[in-house]
Amino acid sequence: MAYYQGNKAHYPNYVPNYPMNKISGLCKIAPSLFISSYEGANDSNLIRHYGITCVVNATPDLPNPGTRGVEYLRVPVDDIPTAQLMPHFEYVTQKINQVKLNGGKTLVHCVAGVSRSATLCIAYLMRYEGLSLLSAHQMVKTARPIVRPNNGFWKQLIEYEHRMRKMNTVHMVNTCFGSMPNIYTGQYEYYRKVMKYCR
């Protein structure tokens, strides 16, 4: 079996020896919520194996495979910091919750299963599972360690949390590498020290 390689010192949340089939396959966040790349979502055998009844396709143009008995919902947003994903939070999270209440399971995917799909799953966990942004991100990252919403999506999640909770558990901070969520600053501090040492 192939494994995802990386340096734990570089990535504090890195899970060593993470199997590649988990990256390309479906990752279970909760009993009724899964996340994957397009490759995983396009595998009808996996969809049937996990009992997926609804697929949220968070891409503007990738086709749905049309697996029989599966409902498809498209969120046509590009993975760029200026893209507006928050306007889709309400109806997407409502749909995920309705599928759960009906005894079904939802898979959320984008291209790589890293940014757009993770953002939508985090929004759902905040709205319907009562989690803070910090806890929701950790829950999604535990299921799929490669998730990393782009900075624009992070800003929208931070605003969404403040609208619901009147406070924030994650903040954007300015670093020598630019603006980023404060939960990432540890790994970039490592790079800053390395760059200073190498000068």
N, C-alpha and C. Protein backbone atom coordinates (compact mmCIF):
# COMPACT_ATOMS: atom_id res chain seq x y z
N MET A 1 0.85 -1.20 0.00
CA MET A 1 0.00 0.00 0.00
C MET A 1 0.88 1.24 0.00
N ALA A 2 0.54 2.24 -0.81
CA ALA A 2 1.30 3.49 -0.87
C ALA A 2 0.88 4.39 0.28
N TYR A 3 1.82 5.22 0.74
CA TYR A 3 1.54 6.11 1.86
C TYR A 3 1.92 7.54 1.51
N TYR A 4 1.21 8.48 2.13
CA TYR A 4 1.49 9.89 1.97
C TYR A 4 2.69 10.24 2.83
N GLN A 5 3.73 10.81 2.22
CA GLN A 5 4.96 11.09 2.94
C GLN A 5 5.04 12.57 3.30
N GLY A 6 5.68 12.87 4.38
CA GLY A 6 5.84 14.26 4.80
C GLY A 6 6.69 14.34 6.04
N ASN A 7 7.05 15.56 6.42
CA ASN A 7 7.88 15.77 7.58
C ASN A 7 7.02 16.31 8.72
N LYS A 8 6.91 15.57 9.80
CA LYS A 8 6.06 15.96 10.92
C LYS A 8 6.47 17.31 11.48
N ALA A 9 7.77 17.63 11.41
CA ALA A 9 8.23 18.91 11.92
C ALA A 9 7.63 20.07 11.12
N HIS A 10 7.37 19.82 9.84
CA HIS A 10 6.81 20.87 8.98
C HIS A 10 5.31 21.03 9.21
N TYR A 11 4.64 19.95 9.53
CA TYR A 11 3.19 19.95 9.61
C TYR A 11 2.75 19.40 10.97
N PRO A 12 2.43 20.27 11.92
CA PRO A 12 2.08 19.82 13.27
C PRO A 12 0.91 18.85 13.30
N ASN A 13 -0.02 18.96 12.36
CA ASN A 13 -1.18 18.08 12.35
C ASN A 13 -1.01 16.89 11.42
N TYR A 14 0.21 16.71 10.92
CA TYR A 14 0.48 15.63 9.97
C TYR A 14 0.27 14.25 10.62
N VAL A 15 -0.37 13.37 9.90
CA VAL A 15 -0.56 12.00 10.37
C VAL A 15 0.42 11.10 9.62
N PRO A 16 1.43 10.53 10.28
CA PRO A 16 2.44 9.74 9.58
C PRO A 16 1.85 8.48 8.96
N ASN A 17 2.45 8.08 7.84
CA ASN A 17 2.04 6.86 7.15
C ASN A 17 0.54 6.86 6.82
N TYR A 18 0.07 8.01 6.35
CA TYR A 18 -1.34 8.11 5.98
C TYR A 18 -1.53 7.44 4.62
N PRO A 19 -2.35 6.41 4.52
CA PRO A 19 -2.47 5.64 3.28
C PRO A 19 -3.05 6.44 2.12
N MET A 20 -2.45 6.29 0.94
CA MET A 20 -2.89 7.02 -0.23
C MET A 20 -4.32 6.67 -0.62
N ASN A 21 -4.77 5.44 -0.32
CA ASN A 21 -6.15 5.09 -0.68
C ASN A 21 -7.15 5.88 0.15
N LYS A 22 -6.73 6.40 1.31
CA LYS A 22 -7.60 7.26 2.10
C LYS A 22 -7.68 8.65 1.48
N ILE A 23 -6.60 9.08 0.83
CA ILE A 23 -6.59 10.39 0.19
C ILE A 23 -7.45 10.37 -1.06
N SER A 24 -7.36 9.32 -1.84
CA SER A 24 -8.13 9.24 -3.07
C SER A 24 -9.53 8.68 -2.83
N GLY A 25 -9.76 8.07 -1.67
CA GLY A 25 -11.06 7.49 -1.37
C GLY A 25 -11.96 8.44 -0.60
N LEU A 26 -12.95 7.86 0.08
CA LEU A 26 -13.90 8.65 0.86
C LEU A 26 -13.46 8.65 2.33
N CYS A 27 -13.48 9.83 2.93
CA CYS A 27 -13.09 9.98 4.33
C CYS A 27 -14.32 10.31 5.17
N LYS A 28 -14.53 9.54 6.22
CA LYS A 28 -15.72 9.69 7.06
C LYS A 28 -15.49 10.72 8.16
N ILE A 29 -16.24 11.82 8.11
CA ILE A 29 -16.17 12.86 9.12
C ILE A 29 -17.12 12.54 10.27
N ALA A 30 -18.33 12.11 9.92
CA ALA A 30 -19.38 11.76 10.87
C ALA A 30 -20.19 10.63 10.23
N PRO A 31 -21.05 9.97 10.99
CA PRO A 31 -21.80 8.84 10.41
C PRO A 31 -22.56 9.17 9.13
N SER A 32 -22.98 10.42 8.97
CA SER A 32 -23.75 10.78 7.78
C SER A 32 -23.03 11.78 6.87
N LEU A 33 -21.74 12.01 7.11
CA LEU A 33 -21.00 13.01 6.34
C LEU A 33 -19.62 12.51 5.94
N PHE A 34 -19.35 12.59 4.64
CA PHE A 34 -18.07 12.15 4.08
C PHE A 34 -17.49 13.25 3.21
N ILE A 35 -16.18 13.19 3.01
CA ILE A 35 -15.48 14.14 2.16
C ILE A 35 -14.52 13.37 1.27
N SER A 36 -14.31 13.87 0.05
CA SER A 36 -13.38 13.20 -0.86
C SER A 36 -12.95 14.13 -1.97
N SER A 37 -12.02 13.65 -2.76
CA SER A 37 -11.66 14.31 -4.01
C SER A 37 -12.67 13.92 -5.08
N TYR A 38 -12.50 14.48 -6.27
CA TYR A 38 -13.38 14.10 -7.38
C TYR A 38 -13.16 12.64 -7.75
N GLU A 39 -11.92 12.20 -7.62
CA GLU A 39 -11.61 10.80 -7.96
C GLU A 39 -12.45 9.84 -7.12
N GLY A 40 -12.54 10.10 -5.83
CA GLY A 40 -13.34 9.24 -4.97
C GLY A 40 -14.81 9.34 -5.26
N ALA A 41 -15.29 10.58 -5.49
CA ALA A 41 -16.72 10.79 -5.75
C ALA A 41 -17.15 10.18 -7.08
N ASN A 42 -16.20 10.00 -7.98
CA ASN A 42 -16.50 9.48 -9.31
C ASN A 42 -16.49 7.95 -9.34
N ASP A 43 -16.22 7.33 -8.20
CA ASP A 43 -16.16 5.87 -8.10
C ASP A 43 -17.51 5.35 -7.59
N SER A 44 -18.34 4.87 -8.48
CA SER A 44 -19.68 4.41 -8.11
C SER A 44 -19.65 3.26 -7.12
N ASN A 45 -18.60 2.44 -7.19
CA ASN A 45 -18.49 1.32 -6.24
C ASN A 45 -18.31 1.84 -4.82
N LEU A 46 -17.49 2.89 -4.64
CA LEU A 46 -17.30 3.48 -3.33
C LEU A 46 -18.59 4.14 -2.84
N ILE A 47 -19.28 4.82 -3.74
CA ILE A 47 -20.53 5.49 -3.38
C ILE A 47 -21.53 4.46 -2.85
N ARG A 48 -21.64 3.35 -3.54
CA ARG A 48 -22.58 2.31 -3.10
C ARG A 48 -22.10 1.64 -1.82
N HIS A 49 -20.78 1.41 -1.72
CA HIS A 49 -20.23 0.73 -0.54
C HIS A 49 -20.53 1.50 0.74
N TYR A 50 -20.41 2.82 0.70
CA TYR A 50 -20.62 3.64 1.89
C TYR A 50 -22.06 4.09 2.05
N GLY A 51 -22.91 3.72 1.12
CA GLY A 51 -24.33 4.06 1.24
C GLY A 51 -24.62 5.54 1.05
N ILE A 52 -23.84 6.21 0.21
CA ILE A 52 -24.03 7.63 -0.04
C ILE A 52 -25.34 7.84 -0.82
N THR A 53 -26.16 8.76 -0.34
CA THR A 53 -27.43 9.05 -1.01
C THR A 53 -27.48 10.45 -1.61
N CYS A 54 -26.53 11.31 -1.22
CA CYS A 54 -26.47 12.66 -1.76
C CYS A 54 -25.02 13.07 -1.94
N VAL A 55 -24.71 13.66 -3.07
CA VAL A 55 -23.35 14.12 -3.35
C VAL A 55 -23.38 15.61 -3.64
N VAL A 56 -22.58 16.38 -2.89
CA VAL A 56 -22.42 17.81 -3.13
C VAL A 56 -21.15 18.00 -3.94
N ASN A 57 -21.31 18.47 -5.16
CA ASN A 57 -20.21 18.67 -6.09
C ASN A 57 -19.82 20.14 -6.06
N ALA A 58 -18.74 20.46 -5.33
CA ALA A 58 -18.32 21.85 -5.15
C ALA A 58 -17.32 22.27 -6.23
N THR A 59 -17.71 22.10 -7.48
CA THR A 59 -16.91 22.54 -8.62
C THR A 59 -17.86 23.15 -9.65
N PRO A 60 -17.36 24.06 -10.49
CA PRO A 60 -18.25 24.66 -11.48
C PRO A 60 -18.50 23.79 -12.71
N ASP A 61 -17.63 22.81 -12.96
CA ASP A 61 -17.75 22.12 -14.24
C ASP A 61 -17.49 20.61 -14.25
N LEU A 62 -16.98 20.03 -13.18
CA LEU A 62 -16.73 18.59 -13.21
C LEU A 62 -18.06 17.84 -13.25
N PRO A 63 -18.20 16.88 -14.16
CA PRO A 63 -19.49 16.19 -14.31
C PRO A 63 -19.80 15.25 -13.16
N ASN A 64 -21.09 15.08 -12.92
CA ASN A 64 -21.54 14.09 -11.94
C ASN A 64 -21.64 12.73 -12.64
N PRO A 65 -21.19 11.66 -11.98
CA PRO A 65 -21.24 10.35 -12.61
C PRO A 65 -22.66 9.81 -12.78
N GLY A 66 -23.60 10.35 -12.03
CA GLY A 66 -24.99 9.90 -12.18
C GLY A 66 -25.25 8.52 -11.62
N THR A 67 -24.64 8.21 -10.48
CA THR A 67 -24.88 6.91 -9.85
C THR A 67 -26.36 6.77 -9.50
N ARG A 68 -26.93 5.65 -9.86
CA ARG A 68 -28.36 5.43 -9.64
C ARG A 68 -28.72 5.52 -8.15
N GLY A 69 -29.80 6.25 -7.87
CA GLY A 69 -30.28 6.38 -6.50
C GLY A 69 -29.59 7.46 -5.69
N VAL A 70 -28.69 8.23 -6.33
CA VAL A 70 -27.95 9.28 -5.64
C VAL A 70 -28.41 10.65 -6.15
N GLU A 71 -28.69 11.55 -5.22
CA GLU A 71 -29.06 12.93 -5.57
C GLU A 71 -27.79 13.77 -5.64
N TYR A 72 -27.71 14.64 -6.64
CA TYR A 72 -26.52 15.48 -6.82
C TYR A 72 -26.88 16.95 -6.67
N LEU A 73 -26.03 17.66 -5.94
CA LEU A 73 -26.20 19.09 -5.73
C LEU A 73 -24.90 19.78 -6.12
N ARG A 74 -24.98 20.76 -7.03
CA ARG A 74 -23.76 21.44 -7.47
C ARG A 74 -23.61 22.79 -6.79
N VAL A 75 -22.37 23.08 -6.40
CA VAL A 75 -21.99 24.38 -5.85
C VAL A 75 -20.92 24.93 -6.79
N PRO A 76 -21.28 25.76 -7.76
CA PRO A 76 -20.35 26.18 -8.81
C PRO A 76 -19.39 27.29 -8.39
N VAL A 77 -18.39 26.93 -7.60
CA VAL A 77 -17.44 27.91 -7.07
C VAL A 77 -16.02 27.45 -7.37
N ASP A 78 -15.18 28.39 -7.79
CA ASP A 78 -13.77 28.07 -8.04
C ASP A 78 -12.97 28.13 -6.73
N ASP A 79 -11.86 27.43 -6.70
CA ASP A 79 -11.00 27.43 -5.51
C ASP A 79 -9.99 28.57 -5.61
N ILE A 80 -10.48 29.79 -5.44
CA ILE A 80 -9.63 30.98 -5.43
C ILE A 80 -10.06 31.84 -4.24
N PRO A 81 -9.13 32.59 -3.65
CA PRO A 81 -9.46 33.36 -2.44
C PRO A 81 -10.59 34.37 -2.61
N THR A 82 -10.81 34.83 -3.83
CA THR A 82 -11.86 35.83 -4.06
C THR A 82 -13.24 35.21 -4.30
N ALA A 83 -13.31 33.90 -4.43
CA ALA A 83 -14.59 33.23 -4.67
C ALA A 83 -15.48 33.32 -3.45
N GLN A 84 -16.78 33.50 -3.68
CA GLN A 84 -17.74 33.63 -2.59
C GLN A 84 -18.45 32.29 -2.35
N LEU A 85 -18.01 31.60 -1.31
CA LEU A 85 -18.60 30.32 -0.96
C LEU A 85 -19.65 30.46 0.14
N MET A 86 -19.52 31.50 0.96
CA MET A 86 -20.46 31.67 2.08
C MET A 86 -21.92 31.79 1.64
N PRO A 87 -22.24 32.42 0.50
CA PRO A 87 -23.64 32.47 0.08
C PRO A 87 -24.27 31.10 -0.12
N HIS A 88 -23.44 30.06 -0.25
CA HIS A 88 -23.94 28.70 -0.44
C HIS A 88 -24.04 27.93 0.88
N PHE A 89 -23.52 28.49 1.98
CA PHE A 89 -23.49 27.76 3.24
C PHE A 89 -24.87 27.33 3.71
N GLU A 90 -25.84 28.23 3.62
CA GLU A 90 -27.14 27.95 4.19
C GLU A 90 -27.83 26.76 3.53
N TYR A 91 -27.95 26.81 2.20
CA TYR A 91 -28.69 25.73 1.56
C TYR A 91 -27.91 24.42 1.52
N VAL A 92 -26.59 24.50 1.47
CA VAL A 92 -25.80 23.26 1.48
C VAL A 92 -25.87 22.60 2.85
N THR A 93 -25.70 23.37 3.91
CA THR A 93 -25.76 22.78 5.25
C THR A 93 -27.17 22.27 5.57
N GLN A 94 -28.18 22.99 5.10
CA GLN A 94 -29.56 22.53 5.28
C GLN A 94 -29.77 21.18 4.58
N LYS A 95 -29.21 21.07 3.39
CA LYS A 95 -29.36 19.82 2.63
C LYS A 95 -28.67 18.67 3.34
N ILE A 96 -27.46 18.89 3.82
CA ILE A 96 -26.72 17.84 4.53
C ILE A 96 -27.50 17.39 5.76
N ASN A 97 -28.07 18.35 6.47
CA ASN A 97 -28.83 18.02 7.67
C ASN A 97 -30.12 17.26 7.32
N GLN A 98 -30.79 17.67 6.25
CA GLN A 98 -32.02 16.99 5.85
C GLN A 98 -31.75 15.56 5.44
N VAL A 99 -30.65 15.36 4.72
CA VAL A 99 -30.26 13.99 4.33
C VAL A 99 -30.02 13.15 5.58
N LYS A 100 -29.35 13.73 6.57
CA LYS A 100 -29.10 13.02 7.84
C LYS A 100 -30.42 12.64 8.51
N LEU A 101 -31.35 13.59 8.59
CA LEU A 101 -32.63 13.34 9.24
C LEU A 101 -33.44 12.26 8.52
N ASN A 102 -33.23 12.15 7.22
CA ASN A 102 -33.94 11.15 6.42
C ASN A 102 -33.22 9.80 6.42
N GLY A 103 -32.14 9.70 7.19
CA GLY A 103 -31.41 8.44 7.28
C GLY A 103 -30.40 8.21 6.18
N GLY A 104 -30.08 9.27 5.42
CA GLY A 104 -29.12 9.14 4.33
C GLY A 104 -27.72 9.59 4.71
N LYS A 105 -26.83 9.60 3.72
CA LYS A 105 -25.45 10.02 3.93
C LYS A 105 -25.04 10.94 2.79
N THR A 106 -24.29 11.97 3.14
CA THR A 106 -23.84 12.96 2.16
C THR A 106 -22.34 12.90 1.97
N LEU A 107 -21.92 12.97 0.72
CA LEU A 107 -20.51 13.11 0.37
C LEU A 107 -20.31 14.50 -0.23
N VAL A 108 -19.33 15.23 0.28
CA VAL A 108 -18.99 16.54 -0.26
C VAL A 108 -17.62 16.43 -0.91
N HIS A 109 -17.52 16.86 -2.15
CA HIS A 109 -16.23 16.78 -2.84
C HIS A 109 -15.99 18.03 -3.66
N CYS A 110 -14.72 18.26 -4.00
CA CYS A 110 -14.34 19.30 -4.96
C CYS A 110 -13.39 18.62 -5.93
N VAL A 111 -12.26 19.19 -6.23
CA VAL A 111 -11.30 18.51 -7.11
C VAL A 111 -10.38 17.62 -6.30
N ALA A 112 -9.74 18.22 -5.30
CA ALA A 112 -8.76 17.48 -4.50
C ALA A 112 -9.27 17.08 -3.12
N GLY A 113 -10.43 17.59 -2.72
CA GLY A 113 -10.92 17.30 -1.37
C GLY A 113 -10.10 18.01 -0.32
N VAL A 114 -9.70 19.25 -0.62
CA VAL A 114 -8.81 19.98 0.27
C VAL A 114 -9.41 21.31 0.73
N SER A 115 -9.97 22.09 -0.17
CA SER A 115 -10.36 23.45 0.16
C SER A 115 -11.88 23.68 0.16
N ARG A 116 -12.51 23.63 -1.01
CA ARG A 116 -13.94 23.93 -1.09
C ARG A 116 -14.79 22.94 -0.31
N SER A 117 -14.54 21.66 -0.51
CA SER A 117 -15.34 20.64 0.19
C SER A 117 -15.12 20.71 1.69
N ALA A 118 -13.88 20.95 2.11
CA ALA A 118 -13.60 21.06 3.54
C ALA A 118 -14.33 22.25 4.15
N THR A 119 -14.36 23.36 3.43
CA THR A 119 -15.03 24.56 3.91
C THR A 119 -16.51 24.31 4.13
N LEU A 120 -17.16 23.63 3.19
CA LEU A 120 -18.59 23.33 3.32
C LEU A 120 -18.87 22.38 4.48
N CYS A 121 -18.00 21.40 4.66
CA CYS A 121 -18.17 20.46 5.78
C CYS A 121 -18.00 21.17 7.12
N ILE A 122 -17.03 22.07 7.20
CA ILE A 122 -16.81 22.83 8.42
C ILE A 122 -18.02 23.70 8.72
N ALA A 123 -18.57 24.33 7.70
CA ALA A 123 -19.75 25.18 7.89
C ALA A 123 -20.92 24.36 8.43
N TYR A 124 -21.09 23.15 7.90
CA TYR A 124 -22.17 22.28 8.39
C TYR A 124 -21.97 21.93 9.86
N LEU A 125 -20.76 21.55 10.23
CA LEU A 125 -20.49 21.16 11.60
C LEU A 125 -20.71 22.32 12.57
N MET A 126 -20.42 23.52 12.13
CA MET A 126 -20.67 24.68 12.98
C MET A 126 -22.16 24.92 13.14
N ARG A 127 -22.88 24.86 12.03
CA ARG A 127 -24.30 25.23 12.09
C ARG A 127 -25.17 24.16 12.73
N TYR A 128 -24.97 22.90 12.37
CA TYR A 128 -25.91 21.86 12.83
C TYR A 128 -25.37 20.95 13.92
N GLU A 129 -24.06 20.92 14.11
CA GLU A 129 -23.51 20.10 15.18
C GLU A 129 -23.03 20.93 16.35
N GLY A 130 -23.17 22.25 16.23
CA GLY A 130 -22.85 23.14 17.34
C GLY A 130 -21.38 23.28 17.66
N LEU A 131 -20.50 22.96 16.70
CA LEU A 131 -19.07 23.05 16.95
C LEU A 131 -18.54 24.45 16.67
N SER A 132 -17.49 24.82 17.37
CA SER A 132 -16.78 26.06 17.04
C SER A 132 -16.02 25.85 15.74
N LEU A 133 -15.58 26.93 15.14
CA LEU A 133 -14.78 26.82 13.91
C LEU A 133 -13.52 26.01 14.17
N LEU A 134 -12.87 26.28 15.29
CA LEU A 134 -11.64 25.56 15.63
C LEU A 134 -11.90 24.06 15.74
N SER A 135 -12.95 23.68 16.45
CA SER A 135 -13.27 22.26 16.65
C SER A 135 -13.74 21.60 15.36
N ALA A 136 -14.53 22.33 14.56
CA ALA A 136 -15.02 21.78 13.30
C ALA A 136 -13.87 21.52 12.34
N HIS A 137 -12.92 22.44 12.28
CA HIS A 137 -11.76 22.24 11.42
C HIS A 137 -10.96 21.03 11.87
N GLN A 138 -10.77 20.90 13.18
CA GLN A 138 -10.00 19.76 13.69
C GLN A 138 -10.70 18.45 13.39
N MET A 139 -12.02 18.43 13.46
CA MET A 139 -12.77 17.21 13.18
C MET A 139 -12.62 16.80 11.72
N VAL A 140 -12.70 17.78 10.82
CA VAL A 140 -12.54 17.48 9.39
C VAL A 140 -11.11 17.08 9.10
N LYS A 141 -10.15 17.76 9.72
CA LYS A 141 -8.74 17.46 9.48
C LYS A 141 -8.35 16.09 10.03
N THR A 142 -9.00 15.67 11.11
CA THR A 142 -8.74 14.34 11.65
C THR A 142 -9.19 13.27 10.65
N ALA A 143 -10.32 13.53 10.01
CA ALA A 143 -10.82 12.57 9.02
C ALA A 143 -9.99 12.59 7.75
N ARG A 144 -9.51 13.78 7.37
CA ARG A 144 -8.76 13.94 6.13
C ARG A 144 -7.64 14.97 6.37
N PRO A 145 -6.46 14.51 6.78
CA PRO A 145 -5.40 15.43 7.21
C PRO A 145 -4.90 16.42 6.16
N ILE A 146 -5.22 16.21 4.89
CA ILE A 146 -4.71 17.13 3.86
C ILE A 146 -5.62 18.34 3.64
N VAL A 147 -6.74 18.45 4.37
CA VAL A 147 -7.63 19.59 4.12
C VAL A 147 -6.95 20.91 4.47
N ARG A 148 -7.24 21.92 3.68
CA ARG A 148 -6.67 23.26 3.91
C ARG A 148 -7.46 24.29 3.09
N PRO A 149 -8.52 24.85 3.65
CA PRO A 149 -9.26 25.89 2.93
C PRO A 149 -8.35 27.05 2.56
N ASN A 150 -8.59 27.68 1.41
CA ASN A 150 -7.77 28.83 1.05
C ASN A 150 -8.11 30.01 1.97
N ASN A 151 -7.26 31.01 1.97
CA ASN A 151 -7.42 32.12 2.91
C ASN A 151 -8.75 32.85 2.77
N GLY A 152 -9.23 32.97 1.53
CA GLY A 152 -10.52 33.61 1.32
C GLY A 152 -11.64 32.84 1.98
N PHE A 153 -11.60 31.52 1.88
CA PHE A 153 -12.62 30.69 2.52
C PHE A 153 -12.50 30.74 4.04
N TRP A 154 -11.26 30.82 4.54
CA TRP A 154 -11.07 30.96 5.99
C TRP A 154 -11.74 32.24 6.49
N LYS A 155 -11.56 33.33 5.77
CA LYS A 155 -12.16 34.60 6.19
C LYS A 155 -13.67 34.48 6.22
N GLN A 156 -14.24 33.76 5.26
CA GLN A 156 -15.69 33.58 5.23
C GLN A 156 -16.17 32.69 6.37
N LEU A 157 -15.40 31.67 6.71
CA LEU A 157 -15.75 30.81 7.85
C LEU A 157 -15.67 31.59 9.16
N ILE A 158 -14.66 32.45 9.28
CA ILE A 158 -14.51 33.27 10.48
C ILE A 158 -15.71 34.22 10.61
N GLU A 159 -16.12 34.82 9.51
CA GLU A 159 -17.30 35.69 9.54
C GLU A 159 -18.56 34.89 9.88
N TYR A 160 -18.67 33.69 9.32
CA TYR A 160 -19.84 32.84 9.57
C TYR A 160 -19.92 32.45 11.04
N GLU A 161 -18.77 32.12 11.63
CA GLU A 161 -18.76 31.78 13.05
C GLU A 161 -19.19 32.98 13.89
N HIS A 162 -18.70 34.16 13.55
CA HIS A 162 -19.05 35.34 14.33
C HIS A 162 -20.54 35.65 14.22
N ARG A 163 -21.13 35.44 13.06
CA ARG A 163 -22.57 35.66 12.90
C ARG A 163 -23.38 34.73 13.81
N MET A 164 -22.92 33.50 13.95
CA MET A 164 -23.66 32.53 14.74
C MET A 164 -23.35 32.60 16.23
N ARG A 165 -22.07 32.83 16.58
CA ARG A 165 -21.64 32.71 17.98
C ARG A 165 -21.25 34.04 18.63
N LYS A 166 -21.19 35.11 17.81
CA LYS A 166 -20.80 36.43 18.31
C LYS A 166 -19.39 36.43 18.90
N MET A 167 -18.58 35.50 18.45
CA MET A 167 -17.18 35.42 18.87
C MET A 167 -16.45 34.55 17.86
N ASN A 168 -15.13 34.53 17.98
CA ASN A 168 -14.33 33.73 17.05
C ASN A 168 -13.31 32.88 17.78
N THR A 169 -13.13 31.66 17.27
CA THR A 169 -12.12 30.75 17.83
C THR A 169 -10.90 30.63 16.92
N VAL A 170 -11.00 31.23 15.72
CA VAL A 170 -9.88 31.29 14.78
C VAL A 170 -9.79 32.73 14.29
N HIS A 171 -8.57 33.23 14.12
CA HIS A 171 -8.37 34.60 13.67
C HIS A 171 -7.33 34.63 12.54
N MET A 172 -7.47 35.58 11.64
CA MET A 172 -6.45 35.80 10.62
C MET A 172 -5.35 36.66 11.23
N VAL A 173 -4.11 36.30 10.97
CA VAL A 173 -2.98 37.06 11.50
C VAL A 173 -2.02 37.38 10.36
N ASN A 174 -1.29 38.46 10.52
CA ASN A 174 -0.30 38.85 9.52
C ASN A 174 1.06 38.26 9.89
N THR A 175 1.69 37.62 8.92
CA THR A 175 3.02 37.03 9.13
C THR A 175 3.93 37.46 7.98
N CYS A 176 5.17 37.07 8.06
CA CYS A 176 6.10 37.40 6.97
C CYS A 176 5.74 36.64 5.69
N PHE A 177 4.84 35.65 5.81
CA PHE A 177 4.38 34.90 4.65
C PHE A 177 3.02 35.40 4.17
N GLY A 178 2.53 36.47 4.79
CA GLY A 178 1.23 36.99 4.42
C GLY A 178 0.18 36.66 5.48
N SER A 179 -1.06 37.02 5.20
CA SER A 179 -2.16 36.76 6.13
C SER A 179 -2.54 35.28 6.11
N MET A 180 -2.83 34.73 7.30
CA MET A 180 -3.21 33.33 7.40
C MET A 180 -3.94 33.09 8.72
N PRO A 181 -4.68 31.98 8.84
CA PRO A 181 -5.32 31.65 10.12
C PRO A 181 -4.27 31.40 11.19
N ASN A 182 -4.55 31.83 12.41
CA ASN A 182 -3.56 31.67 13.48
C ASN A 182 -3.23 30.21 13.78
N ILE A 183 -4.10 29.27 13.38
CA ILE A 183 -3.80 27.86 13.64
C ILE A 183 -2.66 27.34 12.78
N TYR A 184 -2.29 28.10 11.75
CA TYR A 184 -1.20 27.68 10.86
C TYR A 184 0.14 28.31 11.21
N THR A 185 0.16 29.25 12.12
CA THR A 185 1.37 30.03 12.31
C THR A 185 2.54 29.20 12.82
N GLY A 186 2.27 28.13 13.54
CA GLY A 186 3.36 27.29 14.07
C GLY A 186 4.22 26.71 12.98
N GLN A 187 3.60 26.16 11.94
CA GLN A 187 4.38 25.54 10.88
C GLN A 187 5.13 26.58 10.07
N TYR A 188 4.59 27.79 9.93
CA TYR A 188 5.29 28.83 9.18
C TYR A 188 6.41 29.44 10.00
N GLU A 189 6.27 29.42 11.33
CA GLU A 189 7.37 29.87 12.18
C GLU A 189 8.58 28.98 11.98
N TYR A 190 8.33 27.70 11.75
CA TYR A 190 9.43 26.76 11.48
C TYR A 190 10.16 27.17 10.20
N TYR A 191 9.38 27.48 9.14
CA TYR A 191 9.99 27.88 7.87
C TYR A 191 10.73 29.21 8.01
N ARG A 192 10.19 30.12 8.81
CA ARG A 192 10.86 31.41 9.01
C ARG A 192 12.23 31.22 9.64
N LYS A 193 12.31 30.34 10.62
CA LYS A 193 13.59 30.08 11.28
C LYS A 193 14.58 29.41 10.32
N VAL A 194 14.07 28.50 9.51
CA VAL A 194 14.93 27.83 8.53
C VAL A 194 15.48 28.83 7.52
N MET A 195 14.60 29.71 7.02
CA MET A 195 15.04 30.71 6.03
C MET A 195 16.07 31.66 6.63
N LYS A 196 15.86 32.06 7.91
CA LYS A 196 16.81 32.95 8.57
C LYS A 196 18.15 32.26 8.75
N TYR A 197 18.12 30.97 9.08
CA TYR A 197 19.36 30.21 9.30
C TYR A 197 20.15 30.05 7.99
N CYS A 198 19.41 29.94 6.87
CA CYS A 198 20.05 29.66 5.59
C CYS A 198 20.58 30.91 4.89
N ARG A 199 20.30 32.09 5.44
CA ARG A 199 20.76 33.31 4.79
C ARG A 199 22.26 33.49 4.96
